[in-house]
Amino acid sequence: MITVRFKKDNLLEEVASFHTTQAFDACCPALEILAEELGMLFEVVKSVKEKTMLEWLQQLPEPYRTQAIDNAEPLRLLLTGYSGLSGWSSGVLPEAFVWSYTPEGNEYWKELHNTLLMEEGNV
């Protein structure tokens, strides 16, 4: 996915998202002209491939990987839309299951989540 953003005075506005480079290439010149006319900076962000929740959870080290997958709601494991732009754990782990309903408990998952956020630089 390719996201186009306009920026002015530290305000960031997402303008469009493209699923293919062909679509982006077709629209890019017009978006550059529009940004110039509005006096805004033109920014292009290429995200990583969107993955399912299961694909992201499989990247956890053991024993967290097995525990998270076992605790996850089966239908949620198939959800996509997690691009990893802001750090995968901050988007996936809290949404995979209700932490307090697991044998490991809320504090266990909260500690892992905070550790992963620190490793990603999101804290």
PDB file of N, CA and C in Angstrom:
ATOM      1  N   MET A   1       0.838  -1.170   0.000  1.00  0.00           N
ATOM      2  CA  MET A   1       0.000   0.000   0.000  1.00  0.00           C
ATOM      3  C   MET A   1       0.886   1.238   0.000  1.00  0.00           C
ATOM      4  N   ILE A   2       0.475   2.219  -0.749  1.00  0.00           N
ATOM      5  CA  ILE A   2       1.185   3.492  -0.813  1.00  0.00           C
ATOM      6  C   ILE A   2       0.223   4.570  -0.331  1.00  0.00           C
ATOM      7  N   THR A   3       0.652   5.345   0.653  1.00  0.00           N
ATOM      8  CA  THR A   3      -0.184   6.409   1.200  1.00  0.00           C
ATOM      9  C   THR A   3       0.438   7.748   0.847  1.00  0.00           C
ATOM     10  N   VAL A   4      -0.404   8.681   0.412  1.00  0.00           N
ATOM     11  CA  VAL A   4       0.040  10.032   0.082  1.00  0.00           C
ATOM     12  C   VAL A   4      -0.471  10.964   1.160  1.00  0.00           C
ATOM     13  N   ARG A   5       0.426  11.782   1.678  1.00  0.00           N
ATOM     14  CA  ARG A   5       0.061  12.750   2.717  1.00  0.00           C
ATOM     15  C   ARG A   5       0.515  14.141   2.303  1.00  0.00           C
ATOM     16  N   PHE A   6      -0.251  15.126   2.722  1.00  0.00           N
ATOM     17  CA  PHE A   6       0.134  16.519   2.557  1.00  0.00           C
ATOM     18  C   PHE A   6       0.474  17.058   3.946  1.00  0.00           C
ATOM     19  N   LYS A   7       1.494  17.916   4.007  1.00  0.00           N
ATOM     20  CA  LYS A   7       1.927  18.439   5.296  1.00  0.00           C
ATOM     21  C   LYS A   7       2.121  19.945   5.193  1.00  0.00           C
ATOM     22  N   LYS A   8       1.595  20.647   6.189  1.00  0.00           N
ATOM     23  CA  LYS A   8       1.782  22.099   6.262  1.00  0.00           C
ATOM     24  C   LYS A   8       1.704  22.510   7.722  1.00  0.00           C
ATOM     25  N   ASP A   9       2.676  23.306   8.167  1.00  0.00           N
ATOM     26  CA  ASP A   9       2.699  23.803   9.545  1.00  0.00           C
ATOM     27  C   ASP A   9       2.532  22.685  10.564  1.00  0.00           C
ATOM     28  N   ASN A  10       3.273  21.616  10.401  1.00  0.00           N
ATOM     29  CA  ASN A  10       3.259  20.456  11.300  1.00  0.00           C
ATOM     30  C   ASN A  10       1.918  19.729  11.356  1.00  0.00           C
ATOM     31  N   LEU A  11       1.010  20.046  10.462  1.00  0.00           N
ATOM     32  CA  LEU A  11      -0.248  19.310  10.364  1.00  0.00           C
ATOM     33  C   LEU A  11      -0.118  18.326   9.224  1.00  0.00           C
ATOM     34  N   LEU A  12      -0.472  17.095   9.485  1.00  0.00           N
ATOM     35  CA  LEU A  12      -0.346  16.027   8.503  1.00  0.00           C
ATOM     36  C   LEU A  12      -1.737  15.555   8.129  1.00  0.00           C
ATOM     37  N   GLU A  13      -2.008  15.509   6.842  1.00  0.00           N
ATOM     38  CA  GLU A  13      -3.315  15.061   6.376  1.00  0.00           C
ATOM     39  C   GLU A  13      -3.135  13.974   5.337  1.00  0.00           C
ATOM     40  N   GLU A  14      -3.757  12.823   5.596  1.00  0.00           N
ATOM     41  CA  GLU A  14      -3.702  11.733   4.633  1.00  0.00           C
ATOM     42  C   GLU A  14      -4.672  12.049   3.512  1.00  0.00           C
ATOM     43  N   VAL A  15      -4.183  11.975   2.286  1.00  0.00           N
ATOM     44  CA  VAL A  15      -4.995  12.354   1.143  1.00  0.00           C
ATOM     45  C   VAL A  15      -5.529  11.139   0.399  1.00  0.00           C
ATOM     46  N   ALA A  16      -4.675  10.163   0.177  1.00  0.00           N
ATOM     47  CA  ALA A  16      -5.096   9.006  -0.612  1.00  0.00           C
ATOM     48  C   ALA A  16      -4.229   7.805  -0.296  1.00  0.00           C
ATOM     49  N   SER A  17      -4.792   6.628  -0.521  1.00  0.00           N
ATOM     50  CA  SER A  17      -4.054   5.379  -0.398  1.00  0.00           C
ATOM     51  C   SER A  17      -4.243   4.577  -1.671  1.00  0.00           C
ATOM     52  N   PHE A  18      -3.159   3.953  -2.121  1.00  0.00           N
ATOM     53  CA  PHE A  18      -3.190   3.177  -3.362  1.00  0.00           C
ATOM     54  C   PHE A  18      -2.706   1.764  -3.064  1.00  0.00           C
ATOM     55  N   HIS A  19      -3.414   0.782  -3.602  1.00  0.00           N
ATOM     56  CA  HIS A  19      -3.031  -0.608  -3.373  1.00  0.00           C
ATOM     57  C   HIS A  19      -2.029  -1.110  -4.409  1.00  0.00           C
ATOM     58  N   THR A  20      -1.886  -0.397  -5.509  1.00  0.00           N
ATOM     59  CA  THR A  20      -0.923  -0.809  -6.544  1.00  0.00           C
ATOM     60  C   THR A  20      -0.053   0.375  -6.938  1.00  0.00           C
ATOM     61  N   THR A  21       1.151   0.072  -7.358  1.00  0.00           N
ATOM     62  CA  THR A  21       2.028   1.146  -7.816  1.00  0.00           C
ATOM     63  C   THR A  21       1.516   1.759  -9.115  1.00  0.00           C
ATOM     64  N   GLN A  22       0.797   0.974  -9.921  1.00  0.00           N
ATOM     65  CA  GLN A  22       0.251   1.501 -11.173  1.00  0.00           C
ATOM     66  C   GLN A  22      -0.768   2.609 -10.883  1.00  0.00           C
ATOM     67  N   ALA A  23      -1.633   2.383  -9.919  1.00  0.00           N
ATOM     68  CA  ALA A  23      -2.628   3.399  -9.559  1.00  0.00           C
ATOM     69  C   ALA A  23      -1.942   4.644  -9.005  1.00  0.00           C
ATOM     70  N   PHE A  24      -0.926   4.436  -8.173  1.00  0.00           N
ATOM     71  CA  PHE A  24      -0.184   5.566  -7.626  1.00  0.00           C
ATOM     72  C   PHE A  24       0.493   6.350  -8.742  1.00  0.00           C
ATOM     73  N   ASP A  25       1.171   5.655  -9.655  1.00  0.00           N
ATOM     74  CA  ASP A  25       1.875   6.319 -10.747  1.00  0.00           C
ATOM     75  C   ASP A  25       0.931   7.152 -11.615  1.00  0.00           C
ATOM     76  N   ALA A  26      -0.296   6.670 -11.786  1.00  0.00           N
ATOM     77  CA  ALA A  26      -1.262   7.389 -12.607  1.00  0.00           C
ATOM     78  C   ALA A  26      -1.726   8.684 -11.940  1.00  0.00           C
ATOM     79  N   CYS A  27      -1.816   8.685 -10.616  1.00  0.00           N
ATOM     80  CA  CYS A  27      -2.344   9.845  -9.891  1.00  0.00           C
ATOM     81  C   CYS A  27      -1.275  10.785  -9.344  1.00  0.00           C
ATOM     82  N   CYS A  28      -0.052  10.314  -9.238  1.00  0.00           N
ATOM     83  CA  CYS A  28       1.012  11.064  -8.586  1.00  0.00           C
ATOM     84  C   CYS A  28       1.225  12.470  -9.156  1.00  0.00           C
ATOM     85  N   PRO A  29       1.315  12.654 -10.471  1.00  0.00           N
ATOM     86  CA  PRO A  29       1.541  14.020 -10.983  1.00  0.00           C
ATOM     87  C   PRO A  29       0.450  14.999 -10.561  1.00  0.00           C
ATOM     88  N   ALA A  30      -0.795  14.569 -10.593  1.00  0.00           N
ATOM     89  CA  ALA A  30      -1.895  15.457 -10.202  1.00  0.00           C
ATOM     90  C   ALA A  30      -1.824  15.796  -8.710  1.00  0.00           C
ATOM     91  N   LEU A  31      -1.455  14.833  -7.900  1.00  0.00           N
ATOM     92  CA  LEU A  31      -1.348  15.084  -6.468  1.00  0.00           C
ATOM     93  C   LEU A  31      -0.192  16.036  -6.158  1.00  0.00           C
ATOM     94  N   GLU A  32       0.900  15.914  -6.884  1.00  0.00           N
ATOM     95  CA  GLU A  32       2.025  16.832  -6.691  1.00  0.00           C
ATOM     96  C   GLU A  32       1.627  18.260  -7.043  1.00  0.00           C
ATOM     97  N   ILE A  33       0.882  18.431  -8.117  1.00  0.00           N
ATOM     98  CA  ILE A  33       0.412  19.759  -8.527  1.00  0.00           C
ATOM     99  C   ILE A  33      -0.537  20.330  -7.474  1.00  0.00           C
ATOM    100  N   LEU A  34      -1.451  19.504  -6.989  1.00  0.00           N
ATOM    101  CA  LEU A  34      -2.400  19.944  -5.973  1.00  0.00           C
ATOM    102  C   LEU A  34      -1.677  20.390  -4.708  1.00  0.00           C
ATOM    103  N   ALA A  35      -0.699  19.626  -4.272  1.00  0.00           N
ATOM    104  CA  ALA A  35       0.063  19.982  -3.075  1.00  0.00           C
ATOM    105  C   ALA A  35       0.764  21.318  -3.271  1.00  0.00           C
ATOM    106  N   GLU A  36       1.349  21.511  -4.447  1.00  0.00           N
ATOM    107  CA  GLU A  36       2.047  22.764  -4.742  1.00  0.00           C
ATOM    108  C   GLU A  36       1.071  23.943  -4.715  1.00  0.00           C
ATOM    109  N   GLU A  37      -0.098  23.779  -5.312  1.00  0.00           N
ATOM    110  CA  GLU A  37      -1.093  24.846  -5.335  1.00  0.00           C
ATOM    111  C   GLU A  37      -1.594  25.187  -3.936  1.00  0.00           C
ATOM    112  N   LEU A  38      -1.650  24.204  -3.060  1.00  0.00           N
ATOM    113  CA  LEU A  38      -2.095  24.428  -1.692  1.00  0.00           C
ATOM    114  C   LEU A  38      -0.967  24.897  -0.782  1.00  0.00           C
ATOM    115  N   GLY A  39       0.245  24.928  -1.305  1.00  0.00           N
ATOM    116  CA  GLY A  39       1.395  25.330  -0.509  1.00  0.00           C
ATOM    117  C   GLY A  39       1.760  24.312   0.554  1.00  0.00           C
ATOM    118  N   MET A  40       1.568  23.032   0.227  1.00  0.00           N
ATOM    119  CA  MET A  40       1.828  21.973   1.188  1.00  0.00           C
ATOM    120  C   MET A  40       2.945  21.060   0.681  1.00  0.00           C
ATOM    121  N   LEU A  41       3.617  20.407   1.618  1.00  0.00           N
ATOM    122  CA  LEU A  41       4.616  19.417   1.254  1.00  0.00           C
ATOM    123  C   LEU A  41       3.909  18.133   0.859  1.00  0.00           C
ATOM    124  N   PHE A  42       4.477  17.422  -0.076  1.00  0.00           N
ATOM    125  CA  PHE A  42       3.930  16.181  -0.599  1.00  0.00           C
ATOM    126  C   PHE A  42       4.767  15.052  -0.049  1.00  0.00           C
ATOM    127  N   GLU A  43       4.158  14.105   0.645  1.00  0.00           N
ATOM    128  CA  GLU A  43       4.895  13.008   1.269  1.00  0.00           C
ATOM    129  C   GLU A  43       4.293  11.677   0.842  1.00  0.00           C
ATOM    130  N   VAL A  44       5.155  10.750   0.476  1.00  0.00           N
ATOM    131  CA  VAL A  44       4.719   9.426   0.071  1.00  0.00           C
ATOM    132  C   VAL A  44       5.256   8.418   1.082  1.00  0.00           C
ATOM    133  N   VAL A  45       4.371   7.581   1.581  1.00  0.00           N
ATOM    134  CA  VAL A  45       4.753   6.562   2.556  1.00  0.00           C
ATOM    135  C   VAL A  45       4.420   5.206   1.974  1.00  0.00           C
ATOM    136  N   LYS A  46       5.433   4.372   1.822  1.00  0.00           N
ATOM    137  CA  LYS A  46       5.212   3.009   1.343  1.00  0.00           C
ATOM    138  C   LYS A  46       5.233   2.088   2.553  1.00  0.00           C
ATOM    139  N   SER A  47       4.141   1.428   2.806  1.00  0.00           N
ATOM    140  CA  SER A  47       4.058   0.550   3.964  1.00  0.00           C
ATOM    141  C   SER A  47       4.464  -0.865   3.565  1.00  0.00           C
ATOM    142  N   VAL A  48       4.702  -1.644   4.587  1.00  0.00           N
ATOM    143  CA  VAL A  48       4.997  -3.048   4.340  1.00  0.00           C
ATOM    144  C   VAL A  48       3.715  -3.763   3.957  1.00  0.00           C
ATOM    145  N   LYS A  49       3.860  -4.939   3.410  1.00  0.00           N
ATOM    146  CA  LYS A  49       2.702  -5.742   3.028  1.00  0.00           C
ATOM    147  C   LYS A  49       1.798  -5.935   4.237  1.00  0.00           C
ATOM    148  N   GLU A  50       0.509  -5.753   3.997  1.00  0.00           N
ATOM    149  CA  GLU A  50      -0.430  -6.016   5.071  1.00  0.00           C
ATOM    150  C   GLU A  50      -0.444  -7.509   5.355  1.00  0.00           C
ATOM    151  N   LYS A  51      -0.501  -7.827   6.638  1.00  0.00           N
ATOM    152  CA  LYS A  51      -0.478  -9.221   7.049  1.00  0.00           C
ATOM    153  C   LYS A  51      -1.716  -9.522   7.883  1.00  0.00           C
ATOM    154  N   THR A  52      -1.990 -10.797   8.021  1.00  0.00           N
ATOM    155  CA  THR A  52      -3.052 -11.201   8.927  1.00  0.00           C
ATOM    156  C   THR A  52      -2.532 -11.107  10.352  1.00  0.00           C
ATOM    157  N   MET A  53      -3.462 -11.118  11.284  1.00  0.00           N
ATOM    158  CA  MET A  53      -3.082 -11.110  12.687  1.00  0.00           C
ATOM    159  C   MET A  53      -2.234 -12.346  13.004  1.00  0.00           C
ATOM    160  N   LEU A  54      -2.596 -13.487  12.441  1.00  0.00           N
ATOM    161  CA  LEU A  54      -1.824 -14.712  12.663  1.00  0.00           C
ATOM    162  C   LEU A  54      -0.380 -14.544  12.194  1.00  0.00           C
ATOM    163  N   GLU A  55      -0.176 -13.952  11.019  1.00  0.00           N
ATOM    164  CA  GLU A  55       1.187 -13.767  10.506  1.00  0.00           C
ATOM    165  C   GLU A  55       2.017 -12.902  11.447  1.00  0.00           C
ATOM    166  N   TRP A  56       1.400 -11.866  12.028  1.00  0.00           N
ATOM    167  CA  TRP A  56       2.137 -11.015  12.962  1.00  0.00           C
ATOM    168  C   TRP A  56       2.428 -11.762  14.259  1.00  0.00           C
ATOM    169  N   LEU A  57       1.427 -12.482  14.783  1.00  0.00           N
ATOM    170  CA  LEU A  57       1.641 -13.207  16.036  1.00  0.00           C
ATOM    171  C   LEU A  57       2.708 -14.285  15.890  1.00  0.00           C
ATOM    172  N   GLN A  58       2.844 -14.845  14.699  1.00  0.00           N
ATOM    173  CA  GLN A  58       3.863 -15.871  14.471  1.00  0.00           C
ATOM    174  C   GLN A  58       5.277 -15.313  14.573  1.00  0.00           C
ATOM    175  N   GLN A  59       5.420 -14.003  14.585  1.00  0.00           N
ATOM    176  CA  GLN A  59       6.752 -13.397  14.716  1.00  0.00           C
ATOM    177  C   GLN A  59       7.174 -13.220  16.173  1.00  0.00           C
ATOM    178  N   LEU A  60       6.255 -13.458  17.094  1.00  0.00           N
ATOM    179  CA  LEU A  60       6.620 -13.383  18.506  1.00  0.00           C
ATOM    180  C   LEU A  60       7.586 -14.516  18.848  1.00  0.00           C
ATOM    181  N   PRO A  61       8.494 -14.290  19.795  1.00  0.00           N
ATOM    182  CA  PRO A  61       9.355 -15.388  20.257  1.00  0.00           C
ATOM    183  C   PRO A  61       8.534 -16.335  21.129  1.00  0.00           C
ATOM    184  N   GLU A  62       8.991 -17.556  21.233  1.00  0.00           N
ATOM    185  CA  GLU A  62       8.346 -18.522  22.135  1.00  0.00           C
ATOM    186  C   GLU A  62       8.699 -18.146  23.575  1.00  0.00           C
ATOM    187  N   PRO A  63       7.842 -18.391  24.526  1.00  0.00           N
ATOM    188  CA  PRO A  63       6.558 -19.076  24.460  1.00  0.00           C
ATOM    189  C   PRO A  63       5.392 -18.157  24.085  1.00  0.00           C
ATOM    190  N   TYR A  64       5.676 -16.855  23.916  1.00  0.00           N
ATOM    191  CA  TYR A  64       4.599 -15.889  23.635  1.00  0.00           C
ATOM    192  C   TYR A  64       3.832 -16.235  22.360  1.00  0.00           C
ATOM    193  N   ARG A  65       4.557 -16.695  21.337  1.00  0.00           N
ATOM    194  CA  ARG A  65       3.912 -17.016  20.059  1.00  0.00           C
ATOM    195  C   ARG A  65       2.789 -18.032  20.255  1.00  0.00           C
ATOM    196  N   THR A  66       3.133 -19.163  20.846  1.00  0.00           N
ATOM    197  CA  THR A  66       2.144 -20.235  21.030  1.00  0.00           C
ATOM    198  C   THR A  66       1.014 -19.782  21.945  1.00  0.00           C
ATOM    199  N   GLN A  67       1.355 -19.101  23.020  1.00  0.00           N
ATOM    200  CA  GLN A  67       0.333 -18.640  23.959  1.00  0.00           C
ATOM    201  C   GLN A  67      -0.616 -17.650  23.295  1.00  0.00           C
ATOM    202  N   ALA A  68      -0.086 -16.706  22.558  1.00  0.00           N
ATOM    203  CA  ALA A  68      -0.924 -15.696  21.905  1.00  0.00           C
ATOM    204  C   ALA A  68      -1.842 -16.337  20.868  1.00  0.00           C
ATOM    205  N   ILE A  69      -1.303 -17.234  20.066  1.00  0.00           N
ATOM    206  CA  ILE A  69      -2.116 -17.894  19.032  1.00  0.00           C
ATOM    207  C   ILE A  69      -3.188 -18.764  19.679  1.00  0.00           C
ATOM    208  N   ASP A  70      -2.839 -19.475  20.744  1.00  0.00           N
ATOM    209  CA  ASP A  70      -3.820 -20.308  21.445  1.00  0.00           C
ATOM    210  C   ASP A  70      -4.936 -19.472  22.071  1.00  0.00           C
ATOM    211  N   ASN A  71      -4.601 -18.274  22.548  1.00  0.00           N
ATOM    212  CA  ASN A  71      -5.589 -17.418  23.201  1.00  0.00           C
ATOM    213  C   ASN A  71      -6.416 -16.589  22.219  1.00  0.00           C
ATOM    214  N   ALA A  72      -5.923 -16.414  21.028  1.00  0.00           N
ATOM    215  CA  ALA A  72      -6.597 -15.543  20.064  1.00  0.00           C
ATOM    216  C   ALA A  72      -7.936 -16.119  19.627  1.00  0.00           C
ATOM    217  N   GLU A  73      -8.852 -15.209  19.356  1.00  0.00           N
ATOM    218  CA  GLU A  73     -10.140 -15.623  18.815  1.00  0.00           C
ATOM    219  C   GLU A  73      -9.902 -16.057  17.367  1.00  0.00           C
ATOM    220  N   PRO A  74     -10.329 -17.270  16.994  1.00  0.00           N
ATOM    221  CA  PRO A  74     -10.004 -17.834  15.677  1.00  0.00           C
ATOM    222  C   PRO A  74     -10.314 -16.915  14.487  1.00  0.00           C
ATOM    223  N   LEU A  75     -11.450 -16.259  14.496  1.00  0.00           N
ATOM    224  CA  LEU A  75     -11.777 -15.389  13.365  1.00  0.00           C
ATOM    225  C   LEU A  75     -10.870 -14.167  13.296  1.00  0.00           C
ATOM    226  N   ARG A  76     -10.421 -13.702  14.440  1.00  0.00           N
ATOM    227  CA  ARG A  76      -9.521 -12.542  14.444  1.00  0.00           C
ATOM    228  C   ARG A  76      -8.166 -12.870  13.817  1.00  0.00           C
ATOM    229  N   LEU A  77      -7.746 -14.117  13.914  1.00  0.00           N
ATOM    230  CA  LEU A  77      -6.461 -14.506  13.334  1.00  0.00           C
ATOM    231  C   LEU A  77      -6.431 -14.293  11.825  1.00  0.00           C
ATOM    232  N   LEU A  78      -7.594 -14.274  11.201  1.00  0.00           N
ATOM    233  CA  LEU A  78      -7.670 -14.104   9.754  1.00  0.00           C
ATOM    234  C   LEU A  78      -7.768 -12.645   9.325  1.00  0.00           C
ATOM    235  N   LEU A  79      -7.958 -11.730  10.283  1.00  0.00           N
ATOM    236  CA  LEU A  79      -8.088 -10.316   9.939  1.00  0.00           C
ATOM    237  C   LEU A  79      -6.802  -9.786   9.335  1.00  0.00           C
ATOM    238  N   THR A  80      -6.947  -8.948   8.327  1.00  0.00           N
ATOM    239  CA  THR A  80      -5.791  -8.280   7.729  1.00  0.00           C
ATOM    240  C   THR A  80      -5.911  -6.793   7.988  1.00  0.00           C
ATOM    241  N   GLY A  81      -4.970  -6.058   7.459  1.00  0.00           N
ATOM    242  CA  GLY A  81      -5.004  -4.615   7.607  1.00  0.00           C
ATOM    243  C   GLY A  81      -3.960  -4.105   8.566  1.00  0.00           C
ATOM    244  N   TYR A  82      -3.114  -4.988   9.029  1.00  0.00           N
ATOM    245  CA  TYR A  82      -2.054  -4.584   9.937  1.00  0.00           C
ATOM    246  C   TYR A  82      -0.779  -4.403   9.131  1.00  0.00           C
ATOM    247  N   SER A  83      -0.457  -3.150   8.848  1.00  0.00           N
ATOM    248  CA  SER A  83       0.685  -2.887   7.979  1.00  0.00           C
ATOM    249  C   SER A  83       1.989  -2.791   8.741  1.00  0.00           C
ATOM    250  N   GLY A  84       1.912  -2.575  10.057  1.00  0.00           N
ATOM    251  CA  GLY A  84       3.147  -2.498  10.816  1.00  0.00           C
ATOM    252  C   GLY A  84       3.812  -1.140  10.791  1.00  0.00           C
ATOM    253  N   LEU A  85       3.140  -0.127  10.245  1.00  0.00           N
ATOM    254  CA  LEU A  85       3.751   1.190  10.174  1.00  0.00           C
ATOM    255  C   LEU A  85       4.055   1.759  11.546  1.00  0.00           C
ATOM    256  N   SER A  86       3.179   1.543  12.503  1.00  0.00           N
ATOM    257  CA  SER A  86       3.403   2.110  13.824  1.00  0.00           C
ATOM    258  C   SER A  86       3.910   1.075  14.808  1.00  0.00           C
ATOM    259  N   GLY A  87       4.291  -0.048  14.304  1.00  0.00           N
ATOM    260  CA  GLY A  87       4.765  -1.111  15.180  1.00  0.00           C
ATOM    261  C   GLY A  87       3.699  -2.167  15.321  1.00  0.00           C
ATOM    262  N   TRP A  88       4.051  -3.376  15.014  1.00  0.00           N
ATOM    263  CA  TRP A  88       3.028  -4.407  14.920  1.00  0.00           C
ATOM    264  C   TRP A  88       2.413  -4.763  16.249  1.00  0.00           C
ATOM    265  N   SER A  89       3.184  -4.792  17.311  1.00  0.00           N
ATOM    266  CA  SER A  89       2.609  -5.224  18.588  1.00  0.00           C
ATOM    267  C   SER A  89       1.571  -4.253  19.090  1.00  0.00           C
ATOM    268  N   SER A  90       1.782  -2.971  18.820  1.00  0.00           N
ATOM    269  CA  SER A  90       0.829  -1.984  19.309  1.00  0.00           C
ATOM    270  C   SER A  90      -0.508  -2.090  18.600  1.00  0.00           C
ATOM    271  N   GLY A  91      -0.530  -2.698  17.414  1.00  0.00           N
ATOM    272  CA  GLY A  91      -1.782  -2.860  16.712  1.00  0.00           C
ATOM    273  C   GLY A  91      -2.396  -4.236  16.844  1.00  0.00           C
ATOM    274  N   VAL A  92      -1.588  -5.248  16.966  1.00  0.00           N
ATOM    275  CA  VAL A  92      -2.095  -6.615  16.907  1.00  0.00           C
ATOM    276  C   VAL A  92      -2.319  -7.229  18.286  1.00  0.00           C
ATOM    277  N   LEU A  93      -1.333  -7.204  19.146  1.00  0.00           N
ATOM    278  CA  LEU A  93      -1.433  -7.913  20.417  1.00  0.00           C
ATOM    279  C   LEU A  93      -2.651  -7.500  21.246  1.00  0.00           C
ATOM    280  N   PRO A  94      -2.957  -6.214  21.389  1.00  0.00           N
ATOM    281  CA  PRO A  94      -4.143  -5.849  22.180  1.00  0.00           C
ATOM    282  C   PRO A  94      -5.468  -6.259  21.535  1.00  0.00           C
ATOM    283  N   GLU A  95      -5.462  -6.501  20.241  1.00  0.00           N
ATOM    284  CA  GLU A  95      -6.702  -6.835  19.546  1.00  0.00           C
ATOM    285  C   GLU A  95      -6.903  -8.334  19.344  1.00  0.00           C
ATOM    286  N   ALA A  96      -5.904  -9.127  19.647  1.00  0.00           N
ATOM    287  CA  ALA A  96      -5.991 -10.562  19.383  1.00  0.00           C
ATOM    288  C   ALA A  96      -6.928 -11.283  20.345  1.00  0.00           C
ATOM    289  N   PHE A  97      -6.961 -10.821  21.601  1.00  0.00           N
ATOM    290  CA  PHE A  97      -7.780 -11.481  22.621  1.00  0.00           C
ATOM    291  C   PHE A  97      -7.860 -10.568  23.836  1.00  0.00           C
ATOM    292  N   VAL A  98      -8.795 -10.884  24.725  1.00  0.00           N
ATOM    293  CA  VAL A  98      -8.925 -10.133  25.977  1.00  0.00           C
ATOM    294  C   VAL A  98      -7.905 -10.702  26.949  1.00  0.00           C
ATOM    295  N   TRP A  99      -6.930  -9.899  27.276  1.00  0.00           N
ATOM    296  CA  TRP A  99      -5.805 -10.376  28.083  1.00  0.00           C
ATOM    297  C   TRP A  99      -6.244 -10.966  29.420  1.00  0.00           C
ATOM    298  N   SER A 100      -7.198 -10.339  30.071  1.00  0.00           N
ATOM    299  CA  SER A 100      -7.590 -10.797  31.409  1.00  0.00           C
ATOM    300  C   SER A 100      -8.348 -12.124  31.388  1.00  0.00           C
ATOM    301  N   TYR A 101      -8.783 -12.560  30.210  1.00  0.00           N
ATOM    302  CA  TYR A 101      -9.501 -13.838  30.098  1.00  0.00           C
ATOM    303  C   TYR A 101      -8.554 -15.013  29.824  1.00  0.00           C
ATOM    304  N   THR A 102      -7.269 -14.759  29.798  1.00  0.00           N
ATOM    305  CA  THR A 102      -6.313 -15.819  29.472  1.00  0.00           C
ATOM    306  C   THR A 102      -5.721 -16.419  30.746  1.00  0.00           C
ATOM    307  N   PRO A 103      -5.170 -17.642  30.643  1.00  0.00           N
ATOM    308  CA  PRO A 103      -4.507 -18.246  31.814  1.00  0.00           C
ATOM    309  C   PRO A 103      -3.321 -17.405  32.302  1.00  0.00           C
ATOM    310  N   GLU A 104      -2.664 -16.687  31.389  1.00  0.00           N
ATOM    311  CA  GLU A 104      -1.487 -15.894  31.751  1.00  0.00           C
ATOM    312  C   GLU A 104      -1.874 -14.599  32.477  1.00  0.00           C
ATOM    313  N   GLY A 105      -3.037 -14.071  32.176  1.00  0.00           N
ATOM    314  CA  GLY A 105      -3.533 -12.873  32.854  1.00  0.00           C
ATOM    315  C   GLY A 105      -3.126 -11.562  32.199  1.00  0.00           C
ATOM    316  N   ASN A 106      -3.807 -10.517  32.605  1.00  0.00           N
ATOM    317  CA  ASN A 106      -3.634  -9.178  32.043  1.00  0.00           C
ATOM    318  C   ASN A 106      -2.208  -8.644  32.205  1.00  0.00           C
ATOM    319  N   GLU A 107      -1.644  -8.774  33.394  1.00  0.00           N
ATOM    320  CA  GLU A 107      -0.315  -8.201  33.653  1.00  0.00           C
ATOM    321  C   GLU A 107       0.773  -8.836  32.785  1.00  0.00           C
ATOM    322  N   TYR A 108       0.657 -10.115  32.549  1.00  0.00           N
ATOM    323  CA  TYR A 108       1.615 -10.846  31.704  1.00  0.00           C
ATOM    324  C   TYR A 108       1.663 -10.231  30.307  1.00  0.00           C
ATOM    325  N   TRP A 109       0.473 -10.047  29.698  1.00  0.00           N
ATOM    326  CA  TRP A 109       0.411  -9.511  28.331  1.00  0.00           C
ATOM    327  C   TRP A 109       0.743  -8.033  28.300  1.00  0.00           C
ATOM    328  N   LYS A 110       0.374  -7.325  29.345  1.00  0.00           N
ATOM    329  CA  LYS A 110       0.694  -5.895  29.423  1.00  0.00           C
ATOM    330  C   LYS A 110       2.207  -5.693  29.479  1.00  0.00           C
ATOM    331  N   GLU A 111       2.882  -6.524  30.260  1.00  0.00           N
ATOM    332  CA  GLU A 111       4.349  -6.440  30.352  1.00  0.00           C
ATOM    333  C   GLU A 111       5.004  -6.732  29.006  1.00  0.00           C
ATOM    334  N   LEU A 112       4.527  -7.781  28.314  1.00  0.00           N
ATOM    335  CA  LEU A 112       5.069  -8.094  26.991  1.00  0.00           C
ATOM    336  C   LEU A 112       4.800  -6.954  26.018  1.00  0.00           C
ATOM    337  N   HIS A 113       3.601  -6.454  26.032  1.00  0.00           N
ATOM    338  CA  HIS A 113       3.231  -5.357  25.139  1.00  0.00           C
ATOM    339  C   HIS A 113       4.120  -4.141  25.358  1.00  0.00           C
ATOM    340  N   ASN A 114       4.333  -3.766  26.618  1.00  0.00           N
ATOM    341  CA  ASN A 114       5.188  -2.621  26.924  1.00  0.00           C
ATOM    342  C   ASN A 114       6.630  -2.859  26.487  1.00  0.00           C
ATOM    343  N   THR A 115       7.110  -4.082  26.665  1.00  0.00           N
ATOM    344  CA  THR A 115       8.462  -4.429  26.220  1.00  0.00           C
ATOM    345  C   THR A 115       8.585  -4.275  24.705  1.00  0.00           C
ATOM    346  N   LEU A 116       7.593  -4.777  23.984  1.00  0.00           N
ATOM    347  CA  LEU A 116       7.623  -4.679  22.525  1.00  0.00           C
ATOM    348  C   LEU A 116       7.530  -3.235  22.065  1.00  0.00           C
ATOM    349  N   LEU A 117       6.702  -2.429  22.737  1.00  0.00           N
ATOM    350  CA  LEU A 117       6.611  -1.009  22.389  1.00  0.00           C
ATOM    351  C   LEU A 117       7.943  -0.302  22.581  1.00  0.00           C
ATOM    352  N   MET A 118       8.637  -0.634  23.666  1.00  0.00           N
ATOM    353  CA  MET A 118       9.947  -0.031  23.909  1.00  0.00           C
ATOM    354  C   MET A 118      10.938  -0.444  22.833  1.00  0.00           C
ATOM    355  N   GLU A 119      10.921  -1.717  22.438  1.00  0.00           N
ATOM    356  CA  GLU A 119      11.826  -2.196  21.393  1.00  0.00           C
ATOM    357  C   GLU A 119      11.541  -1.511  20.053  1.00  0.00           C
ATOM    358  N   GLU A 120      10.275  -1.195  19.800  1.00  0.00           N
ATOM    359  CA  GLU A 120       9.888  -0.531  18.557  1.00  0.00           C
ATOM    360  C   GLU A 120      10.142   0.972  18.605  1.00  0.00           C
ATOM    361  N   GLY A 121      10.413   1.487  19.791  1.00  0.00           N
ATOM    362  CA  GLY A 121      10.631   2.919  19.916  1.00  0.00           C
ATOM    363  C   GLY A 121       9.350   3.720  19.986  1.00  0.00           C
ATOM    364  N   ASN A 122       8.244   3.084  20.378  1.00  0.00           N
ATOM    365  CA  ASN A 122       6.955   3.770  20.451  1.00  0.00           C
ATOM    366  C   ASN A 122       6.620   4.243  21.848  1.00  0.00           C
ATOM    367  N   VAL A 123       7.585   4.179  22.774  1.00  0.00           N
ATOM    368  CA  VAL A 123       7.340   4.647  24.138  1.00  0.00           C
ATOM    369  C   VAL A 123       8.362   5.708  24.472  1.00  0.00           C
TER     370      VAL A 123
END
